[in-house]
Amino acid sequence: MKHLRIILTGFMGTGKTAVGEKLAKRLGYDFLDTDLMVEEDTGKTITDIFEKEGESAFRVHEKKMVKKALEREKVVIATGGGAIVDPDSLKLMKEKGIVIGLSASPESILQRVAGLETRPLLRSKDQLKRIESLLSHRSPYYRQADKIVDTTMKRLEETVDEIMVVLNANHRR
């Protein structure tokens, strides 16, 4: 398989980390999560960065970690949900690997992330409305992925299988 870097993008709760870990294991690749890389690099949680430094500071850290992750080969990278909004990061992702966008319905996302205190962008009375608003803003960016896989009604294995089909199809081109 020629894909040395597989980048998973998409909104929070679409399964980037869970799918990425399983996909990497199946391929015999390393797995990197840019959110975890930010936390390790800064020594702070993402929630702390958002609260004390703001979203823009987090995005600077995130961009740096996306770039660092893309230096590796034979890797599956789960990016933060907003990483693709940065034009430089999007360009680099598309140049360096295949970008797979994971999607899910707003209701499914809400169900998956409900009650998690680690989602600073969802601190809102009406979380569904907040998810819909953020999705509306980010959708044009997510649509720039090389392939979009809907995870709404799929088990983890089904999503990984579908991505493997995409990778194999792209490899034969």
C-alpha atoms as a PDB file:
ATOM      1  CA  MET A   1       0.000   0.000   0.000  1.00  0.00           C
ATOM      2  CA  LYS A   2       1.470   3.324  -1.028  1.00  0.00           C
ATOM      3  CA  HIS A   3      -0.280   5.477   1.591  1.00  0.00           C
ATOM      4  CA  LEU A   4       2.408   6.268   4.116  1.00  0.00           C
ATOM      5  CA  ARG A   5       0.239   8.828   5.943  1.00  0.00           C
ATOM      6  CA  ILE A   6      -3.467   8.431   6.536  1.00  0.00           C
ATOM      7  CA  ILE A   7      -5.038  11.500   8.098  1.00  0.00           C
ATOM      8  CA  LEU A   8      -8.421  11.205   9.784  1.00  0.00           C
ATOM      9  CA  THR A   9     -10.356  14.406  10.141  1.00  0.00           C
ATOM     10  CA  GLY A  10     -13.913  15.242  11.112  1.00  0.00           C
ATOM     11  CA  PHE A  11     -15.980  16.650  13.906  1.00  0.00           C
ATOM     12  CA  MET A  12     -15.538  15.552  17.522  1.00  0.00           C
ATOM     13  CA  GLY A  13     -17.382  12.322  18.248  1.00  0.00           C
ATOM     14  CA  THR A  14     -17.109  10.935  14.715  1.00  0.00           C
ATOM     15  CA  GLY A  15     -14.635   8.273  15.851  1.00  0.00           C
ATOM     16  CA  LYS A  16     -11.254   9.598  14.704  1.00  0.00           C
ATOM     17  CA  THR A  17      -9.286   8.210  17.652  1.00  0.00           C
ATOM     18  CA  ALA A  18     -11.050   4.838  17.968  1.00  0.00           C
ATOM     19  CA  VAL A  19     -11.046   4.260  14.198  1.00  0.00           C
ATOM     20  CA  GLY A  20      -7.471   5.530  13.894  1.00  0.00           C
ATOM     21  CA  GLU A  21      -6.127   3.179  16.556  1.00  0.00           C
ATOM     22  CA  LYS A  22      -7.823   0.160  14.977  1.00  0.00           C
ATOM     23  CA  LEU A  23      -6.834   1.151  11.436  1.00  0.00           C
ATOM     24  CA  ALA A  24      -3.195   1.679  12.449  1.00  0.00           C
ATOM     25  CA  LYS A  25      -3.107  -1.714  14.133  1.00  0.00           C
ATOM     26  CA  ARG A  26      -4.559  -3.392  11.053  1.00  0.00           C
ATOM     27  CA  LEU A  27      -2.000  -1.687   8.774  1.00  0.00           C
ATOM     28  CA  GLY A  28       0.929  -2.182  11.132  1.00  0.00           C
ATOM     29  CA  TYR A  29       1.333   1.609  11.276  1.00  0.00           C
ATOM     30  CA  ASP A  30       1.913   3.929  14.215  1.00  0.00           C
ATOM     31  CA  PHE A  31      -1.025   5.958  15.515  1.00  0.00           C
ATOM     32  CA  LEU A  32      -0.793   9.630  16.448  1.00  0.00           C
ATOM     33  CA  ASP A  33      -3.525  11.819  17.910  1.00  0.00           C
ATOM     34  CA  THR A  34      -2.703  15.505  17.482  1.00  0.00           C
ATOM     35  CA  ASP A  35      -4.820  16.442  20.523  1.00  0.00           C
ATOM     36  CA  LEU A  36      -2.713  14.133  22.720  1.00  0.00           C
ATOM     37  CA  MET A  37       0.436  15.501  21.083  1.00  0.00           C
ATOM     38  CA  VAL A  38      -0.633  19.043  22.034  1.00  0.00           C
ATOM     39  CA  GLU A  39      -1.212  17.960  25.627  1.00  0.00           C
ATOM     40  CA  GLU A  40       2.161  16.180  25.812  1.00  0.00           C
ATOM     41  CA  ASP A  41       3.997  19.095  24.181  1.00  0.00           C
ATOM     42  CA  THR A  42       2.458  21.787  26.394  1.00  0.00           C
ATOM     43  CA  GLY A  43       2.015  19.796  29.599  1.00  0.00           C
ATOM     44  CA  LYS A  44      -1.570  21.130  29.716  1.00  0.00           C
ATOM     45  CA  THR A  45      -4.956  19.661  28.934  1.00  0.00           C
ATOM     46  CA  ILE A  46      -6.823  20.999  25.932  1.00  0.00           C
ATOM     47  CA  THR A  47      -9.512  22.256  28.305  1.00  0.00           C
ATOM     48  CA  ASP A  48      -6.861  24.230  30.248  1.00  0.00           C
ATOM     49  CA  ILE A  49      -5.431  25.713  27.048  1.00  0.00           C
ATOM     50  CA  PHE A  50      -8.905  26.808  25.907  1.00  0.00           C
ATOM     51  CA  GLU A  51      -9.758  28.286  29.327  1.00  0.00           C
ATOM     52  CA  LYS A  52      -6.467  30.021  30.075  1.00  0.00           C
ATOM     53  CA  GLU A  53      -5.098  30.886  26.621  1.00  0.00           C
ATOM     54  CA  GLY A  54      -8.129  30.737  24.324  1.00  0.00           C
ATOM     55  CA  GLU A  55      -9.012  28.794  21.205  1.00  0.00           C
ATOM     56  CA  SER A  56      -6.563  30.715  18.996  1.00  0.00           C
ATOM     57  CA  ALA A  57      -3.623  29.652  21.198  1.00  0.00           C
ATOM     58  CA  PHE A  58      -4.798  26.051  21.010  1.00  0.00           C
ATOM     59  CA  ARG A  59      -4.958  26.273  17.195  1.00  0.00           C
ATOM     60  CA  VAL A  60      -1.313  27.436  17.102  1.00  0.00           C
ATOM     61  CA  HIS A  61      -0.271  24.375  19.149  1.00  0.00           C
ATOM     62  CA  GLU A  62      -2.484  22.141  17.009  1.00  0.00           C
ATOM     63  CA  LYS A  63      -0.977  23.401  13.740  1.00  0.00           C
ATOM     64  CA  LYS A  64       2.520  22.708  15.066  1.00  0.00           C
ATOM     65  CA  MET A  65       1.568  19.137  16.039  1.00  0.00           C
ATOM     66  CA  VAL A  66      -0.143  18.438  12.686  1.00  0.00           C
ATOM     67  CA  LYS A  67       3.075  19.478  10.947  1.00  0.00           C
ATOM     68  CA  LYS A  68       5.163  17.335  13.314  1.00  0.00           C
ATOM     69  CA  ALA A  69       2.898  14.291  12.841  1.00  0.00           C
ATOM     70  CA  LEU A  70       3.127  14.618   9.063  1.00  0.00           C
ATOM     71  CA  GLU A  71       6.918  14.271   9.252  1.00  0.00           C
ATOM     72  CA  ARG A  72       6.408  10.596  10.134  1.00  0.00           C
ATOM     73  CA  GLU A  73       5.729   7.765   7.689  1.00  0.00           C
ATOM     74  CA  LYS A  74       3.605   4.636   8.060  1.00  0.00           C
ATOM     75  CA  VAL A  75       1.305   6.534  10.362  1.00  0.00           C
ATOM     76  CA  VAL A  76      -2.394   7.050  10.936  1.00  0.00           C
ATOM     77  CA  ILE A  77      -3.059  10.536  12.312  1.00  0.00           C
ATOM     78  CA  ALA A  78      -6.240  11.611  14.093  1.00  0.00           C
ATOM     79  CA  THR A  79      -6.466  15.395  13.920  1.00  0.00           C
ATOM     80  CA  GLY A  80      -8.496  17.648  16.144  1.00  0.00           C
ATOM     81  CA  GLY A  81     -11.913  18.500  14.716  1.00  0.00           C
ATOM     82  CA  GLY A  82     -10.891  22.037  13.780  1.00  0.00           C
ATOM     83  CA  ALA A  83      -7.407  21.325  12.389  1.00  0.00           C
ATOM     84  CA  ILE A  84      -8.637  21.157   8.800  1.00  0.00           C
ATOM     85  CA  VAL A  85     -10.016  24.708   9.001  1.00  0.00           C
ATOM     86  CA  ASP A  86      -6.440  26.047   8.944  1.00  0.00           C
ATOM     87  CA  PRO A  87      -5.556  26.470   5.238  1.00  0.00           C
ATOM     88  CA  ASP A  88      -1.851  25.667   5.765  1.00  0.00           C
ATOM     89  CA  SER A  89      -2.654  22.486   7.689  1.00  0.00           C
ATOM     90  CA  LEU A  90      -5.227  21.384   5.096  1.00  0.00           C
ATOM     91  CA  LYS A  91      -2.758  21.960   2.242  1.00  0.00           C
ATOM     92  CA  LEU A  92      -0.014  20.053   4.056  1.00  0.00           C
ATOM     93  CA  MET A  93      -2.341  17.156   4.922  1.00  0.00           C
ATOM     94  CA  LYS A  94      -3.442  16.800   1.300  1.00  0.00           C
ATOM     95  CA  GLU A  95       0.156  17.011   0.032  1.00  0.00           C
ATOM     96  CA  LYS A  96       1.586  14.524   2.510  1.00  0.00           C
ATOM     97  CA  GLY A  97      -1.108  11.861   2.707  1.00  0.00           C
ATOM     98  CA  ILE A  98      -4.656  10.757   2.073  1.00  0.00           C
ATOM     99  CA  VAL A  99      -7.267  12.660   4.061  1.00  0.00           C
ATOM    100  CA  ILE A 100     -10.260  10.635   5.217  1.00  0.00           C
ATOM    101  CA  GLY A 101     -13.116  12.668   6.675  1.00  0.00           C
ATOM    102  CA  LEU A 102     -15.307  10.931   9.238  1.00  0.00           C
ATOM    103  CA  SER A 103     -18.852  12.222   9.556  1.00  0.00           C
ATOM    104  CA  ALA A 104     -21.880  11.491  11.719  1.00  0.00           C
ATOM    105  CA  SER A 105     -25.293  13.022  12.292  1.00  0.00           C
ATOM    106  CA  PRO A 106     -25.472  15.842  14.867  1.00  0.00           C
ATOM    107  CA  GLU A 107     -27.719  13.634  17.031  1.00  0.00           C
ATOM    108  CA  SER A 108     -25.223  10.786  16.924  1.00  0.00           C
ATOM    109  CA  ILE A 109     -22.366  13.144  17.790  1.00  0.00           C
ATOM    110  CA  LEU A 110     -24.320  14.518  20.745  1.00  0.00           C
ATOM    111  CA  GLN A 111     -25.022  11.004  21.987  1.00  0.00           C
ATOM    112  CA  ARG A 112     -21.325  10.097  21.740  1.00  0.00           C
ATOM    113  CA  VAL A 113     -19.943  13.208  23.491  1.00  0.00           C
ATOM    114  CA  ALA A 114     -22.749  13.898  25.982  1.00  0.00           C
ATOM    115  CA  GLY A 115     -21.445  14.486  29.477  1.00  0.00           C
ATOM    116  CA  LEU A 116     -17.787  14.754  28.485  1.00  0.00           C
ATOM    117  CA  GLU A 117     -16.127  17.659  30.272  1.00  0.00           C
ATOM    118  CA  THR A 118     -13.187  17.482  27.844  1.00  0.00           C
ATOM    119  CA  ARG A 119     -15.064  19.238  25.012  1.00  0.00           C
ATOM    120  CA  PRO A 120     -14.615  22.962  25.636  1.00  0.00           C
ATOM    121  CA  LEU A 121     -16.363  23.959  22.391  1.00  0.00           C
ATOM    122  CA  LEU A 122     -19.564  22.266  23.582  1.00  0.00           C
ATOM    123  CA  ARG A 123     -20.007  24.222  26.781  1.00  0.00           C
ATOM    124  CA  SER A 124     -23.477  25.411  25.917  1.00  0.00           C
ATOM    125  CA  LYS A 125     -27.027  25.064  27.209  1.00  0.00           C
ATOM    126  CA  ASP A 126     -28.173  23.670  23.850  1.00  0.00           C
ATOM    127  CA  GLN A 127     -25.377  21.335  22.817  1.00  0.00           C
ATOM    128  CA  LEU A 128     -27.214  20.021  19.747  1.00  0.00           C
ATOM    129  CA  LYS A 129     -27.633  23.554  18.412  1.00  0.00           C
ATOM    130  CA  ARG A 130     -23.931  24.224  19.114  1.00  0.00           C
ATOM    131  CA  ILE A 131     -22.921  21.013  17.265  1.00  0.00           C
ATOM    132  CA  GLU A 132     -25.114  21.965  14.292  1.00  0.00           C
ATOM    133  CA  SER A 133     -23.624  25.462  14.228  1.00  0.00           C
ATOM    134  CA  LEU A 134     -20.017  24.233  14.348  1.00  0.00           C
ATOM    135  CA  LEU A 135     -20.760  21.544  11.733  1.00  0.00           C
ATOM    136  CA  SER A 136     -22.308  24.141   9.457  1.00  0.00           C
ATOM    137  CA  HIS A 137     -19.166  26.281   9.698  1.00  0.00           C
ATOM    138  CA  ARG A 138     -16.725  23.375   9.238  1.00  0.00           C
ATOM    139  CA  SER A 139     -18.576  21.319   6.606  1.00  0.00           C
ATOM    140  CA  PRO A 140     -16.961  23.083   3.615  1.00  0.00           C
ATOM    141  CA  TYR A 141     -13.566  22.155   5.048  1.00  0.00           C
ATOM    142  CA  TYR A 142     -14.491  18.552   5.857  1.00  0.00           C
ATOM    143  CA  ARG A 143     -15.803  18.134   2.297  1.00  0.00           C
ATOM    144  CA  GLN A 144     -12.258  18.762   1.027  1.00  0.00           C
ATOM    145  CA  ALA A 145     -11.172  15.369   2.368  1.00  0.00           C
ATOM    146  CA  ASP A 146     -10.171  12.821  -0.276  1.00  0.00           C
ATOM    147  CA  LYS A 147     -12.979  10.547   0.933  1.00  0.00           C
ATOM    148  CA  ILE A 148     -15.754  10.938   3.484  1.00  0.00           C
ATOM    149  CA  VAL A 149     -16.952   7.982   5.543  1.00  0.00           C
ATOM    150  CA  ASP A 150     -20.189   8.290   7.519  1.00  0.00           C
ATOM    151  CA  THR A 151     -19.851   6.573  10.908  1.00  0.00           C
ATOM    152  CA  THR A 152     -23.399   7.269  12.132  1.00  0.00           C
ATOM    153  CA  MET A 153     -24.824   3.752  11.986  1.00  0.00           C
ATOM    154  CA  LYS A 154     -21.601   1.772  11.734  1.00  0.00           C
ATOM    155  CA  ARG A 155     -19.676  -0.349  14.160  1.00  0.00           C
ATOM    156  CA  LEU A 156     -15.969   0.433  14.489  1.00  0.00           C
ATOM    157  CA  GLU A 157     -14.945  -2.593  12.408  1.00  0.00           C
ATOM    158  CA  GLU A 158     -17.311  -1.596   9.582  1.00  0.00           C
ATOM    159  CA  THR A 159     -15.787   1.885   9.432  1.00  0.00           C
ATOM    160  CA  VAL A 160     -12.250   0.482   9.367  1.00  0.00           C
ATOM    161  CA  ASP A 161     -13.271  -2.003   6.634  1.00  0.00           C
ATOM    162  CA  GLU A 162     -14.714   0.839   4.544  1.00  0.00           C
ATOM    163  CA  ILE A 163     -11.510   2.872   4.915  1.00  0.00           C
ATOM    164  CA  MET A 164      -9.431  -0.161   3.895  1.00  0.00           C
ATOM    165  CA  VAL A 165     -11.520  -0.434   0.708  1.00  0.00           C
ATOM    166  CA  VAL A 166     -10.868   3.271   0.003  1.00  0.00           C
ATOM    167  CA  LEU A 167      -7.124   2.869   0.595  1.00  0.00           C
ATOM    168  CA  ASN A 168      -6.919  -0.187  -1.637  1.00  0.00           C
ATOM    169  CA  ALA A 169      -8.977   1.502  -4.399  1.00  0.00           C
ATOM    170  CA  ASN A 170      -6.748   4.589  -4.293  1.00  0.00           C
ATOM    171  CA  HIS A 171      -3.648   2.409  -4.355  1.00  0.00           C
ATOM    172  CA  ARG A 172      -4.725   0.769  -7.621  1.00  0.00           C
ATOM    173  CA  ARG A 173      -5.213   4.093  -9.460  1.00  0.00           C
END
